[in-house]
Amino acid sequence: MTAGNIKGEYVGASFRVVHCKKALESFREAIKHIDSRKRNSFSRGMVLQIERLAGGQRMSKDNFPQEGLLPKRKGSASAKKFNAMKRLPIRGYCWLSEEHKNTYFISHYVYKNYTKLKDSDTNKVKKNWVRIEEQGHEC
C-alpha cells in the first residue's frame, strides 16, 4: 500500500466516510513529511482509523478530538464542532453531516508539528461544510 491507496469513500456498518475535493491530495502532501520507510505503515494505520469510524467503533478523545466550530446553521442556537482524526503527526479534519445521513466528510489533512489549530485549517473545513451542507454539493 502506498500513500495514494487511501480511497475516496469508505462504507461501514454505521457510517459512510467521504473525502472532500482535494482531501486525498492534502494527505499525499502531508505524508511527504513522514520518513519514506514508514509511509506505507502510516497509511495503513490511517485507513484502519477511517474504517473504525465507518464501522461505528468507539473513537478515543486522543485519536478523535473536537477541534473547532463549524458555521452556525440558520435557526440553530449554537454551532456544532468538527473533529480531527489524529494519527500523529497528521490530522484529518472532519464533521458528521446533518444533510447526508450517517456520513462523515473529511475536509483535508495537514502535517501538524504545532499544537494550536490554525485559522486556515478552520476556514478550509468551513468552506467545505458550506459547499456540502448548505449548497448541496456532496464532494
Protein backbone atom coordinates (compact mmCIF):
# COMPACT_ATOMS: atom_id res chain seq x y z
CA MET A 1 0.00 0.00 0.00
CA THR A 2 1.24 3.46 -0.79
CA ALA A 3 0.07 6.86 0.37
CA GLY A 4 -2.08 7.07 -2.72
CA ASN A 5 -4.11 4.00 -1.78
CA ILE A 6 -6.46 5.73 0.63
CA LYS A 7 -9.86 5.51 -1.02
CA GLY A 8 -12.19 8.42 -1.61
CA GLU A 9 -15.04 6.73 0.26
CA TYR A 10 -15.45 4.10 2.96
CA VAL A 11 -18.75 2.47 3.84
CA GLY A 12 -19.01 0.69 7.17
CA ALA A 13 -21.72 -0.79 9.35
CA SER A 14 -22.62 2.62 10.84
CA PHE A 15 -21.24 5.42 8.70
CA ARG A 16 -20.08 6.42 5.30
CA VAL A 17 -16.79 8.38 5.30
CA VAL A 18 -16.21 10.58 2.25
CA HIS A 19 -13.14 12.61 1.35
CA CYS A 20 -13.91 16.12 0.10
CA LYS A 21 -12.35 17.56 -3.04
CA LYS A 22 -8.58 17.80 -2.65
CA ALA A 23 -8.57 15.88 0.66
CA LEU A 24 -6.63 12.96 -0.79
CA GLU A 25 -4.14 15.35 -2.36
CA SER A 26 -3.66 17.03 1.02
CA PHE A 27 -2.95 13.60 2.56
CA ARG A 28 -0.31 12.93 -0.10
CA GLU A 29 1.30 16.29 0.69
CA ALA A 30 1.17 15.75 4.45
CA ILE A 31 2.65 12.26 4.29
CA LYS A 32 5.73 13.59 2.50
CA HIS A 33 6.86 14.71 5.97
CA ILE A 34 6.85 11.10 7.19
CA ASP A 35 10.04 9.04 6.82
CA SER A 36 9.73 7.24 3.48
CA ARG A 37 10.32 3.86 5.16
CA LYS A 38 7.28 4.43 7.40
CA ARG A 39 4.78 5.81 4.88
CA ASN A 40 3.13 2.51 3.98
CA SER A 41 2.50 1.51 7.59
CA PHE A 42 1.38 5.06 8.40
CA SER A 43 -1.13 4.95 5.52
CA ARG A 44 -2.39 1.53 6.66
CA GLY A 45 -2.90 2.94 10.14
CA MET A 46 -4.88 5.89 8.79
CA VAL A 47 -7.06 3.55 6.71
CA LEU A 48 -7.74 1.41 9.79
CA GLN A 49 -8.75 4.52 11.72
CA ILE A 50 -11.13 5.60 8.93
CA GLU A 51 -12.56 2.08 8.81
CA ARG A 52 -13.12 2.13 12.60
CA LEU A 53 -15.01 5.39 12.25
CA ALA A 54 -17.10 3.97 9.37
CA GLY A 55 -17.79 0.85 11.42
CA GLY A 56 -19.12 2.92 14.30
CA GLN A 57 -16.43 1.75 16.68
CA ARG A 58 -15.61 3.94 19.62
CA MET A 59 -13.01 6.61 18.87
CA SER A 60 -10.93 7.93 21.76
CA LYS A 61 -10.71 11.64 22.55
CA ASP A 62 -6.98 11.38 21.88
CA ASN A 63 -7.49 9.98 18.37
CA PHE A 64 -10.68 11.88 17.52
CA PRO A 65 -10.85 15.15 19.46
CA GLN A 66 -13.22 18.02 18.78
CA GLU A 67 -11.12 20.75 17.22
CA GLY A 68 -13.13 23.78 16.15
CA LEU A 69 -16.51 25.27 15.35
CA LEU A 70 -18.45 24.80 12.15
CA PRO A 71 -20.56 27.67 10.82
CA LYS A 72 -23.77 28.19 12.77
CA ARG A 73 -26.84 26.86 10.99
CA LYS A 74 -29.68 29.26 10.40
CA GLY A 75 -32.16 28.80 13.21
CA SER A 76 -29.68 26.99 15.47
CA ALA A 77 -28.81 28.25 18.91
CA SER A 78 -25.17 27.24 18.58
CA ALA A 79 -22.62 25.94 16.11
CA LYS A 80 -21.56 22.30 16.04
CA LYS A 81 -17.93 21.25 16.19
CA PHE A 82 -15.69 19.41 13.78
CA ASN A 83 -13.21 16.72 14.75
CA ALA A 84 -9.63 15.82 13.97
CA MET A 85 -8.80 12.28 13.02
CA LYS A 86 -5.35 12.16 14.60
CA ARG A 87 -2.54 9.89 13.60
CA LEU A 88 0.39 11.98 14.73
CA PRO A 89 1.85 14.00 13.16
CA ILE A 90 -1.00 14.12 10.60
CA ARG A 91 -4.58 15.19 11.24
CA GLY A 92 -7.62 14.83 9.04
CA TYR A 93 -10.35 17.35 9.83
CA CYS A 94 -13.90 16.05 9.52
CA TRP A 95 -17.51 16.51 10.56
CA LEU A 96 -20.69 14.44 10.80
CA SER A 97 -23.13 15.70 8.20
CA GLU A 98 -26.63 16.80 9.03
CA GLU A 99 -27.68 16.79 5.37
CA HIS A 100 -26.30 13.37 4.40
CA LYS A 101 -27.48 10.69 6.78
CA ASN A 102 -24.74 8.81 8.66
CA THR A 103 -21.96 10.45 6.66
CA TYR A 104 -18.69 11.92 7.81
CA PHE A 105 -16.84 14.22 5.45
CA ILE A 106 -13.07 14.56 5.69
CA SER A 107 -12.25 18.10 4.63
CA HIS A 108 -8.48 17.86 4.40
CA TYR A 109 -5.31 16.61 6.06
CA VAL A 110 -2.38 18.54 7.49
CA TYR A 111 1.05 17.70 8.75
CA LYS A 112 0.92 19.28 12.17
CA ASN A 113 4.05 19.82 14.24
CA TYR A 114 2.34 22.51 16.33
CA THR A 115 -0.48 22.40 18.87
CA LYS A 116 -2.83 25.29 18.06
CA LEU A 117 -5.48 24.92 15.37
CA LYS A 118 -4.68 27.31 12.52
CA ASP A 119 -7.34 29.67 11.19
CA SER A 120 -6.50 28.48 7.68
CA ASP A 121 -7.48 24.92 8.63
CA THR A 122 -10.72 26.05 10.24
CA ASN A 123 -11.50 28.11 7.13
CA LYS A 124 -10.93 25.12 4.83
CA VAL A 125 -13.30 22.99 6.90
CA LYS A 126 -15.90 25.78 6.92
CA LYS A 127 -15.70 26.26 3.14
CA ASN A 128 -16.19 22.54 2.55
CA TRP A 129 -19.01 22.44 5.11
CA VAL A 130 -20.85 25.35 3.42
CA ARG A 131 -20.38 23.77 -0.02
CA ILE A 132 -21.75 20.42 1.13
CA GLU A 133 -24.23 21.23 3.91
CA GLU A 134 -25.72 24.47 2.57
CA GLN A 135 -25.09 24.48 -1.17
CA GLY A 136 -25.83 20.78 -1.70
CA HIS A 137 -22.60 19.72 -3.40
CA GLU A 138 -21.52 16.40 -1.93
CA CYS A 139 -17.90 16.15 -2.99
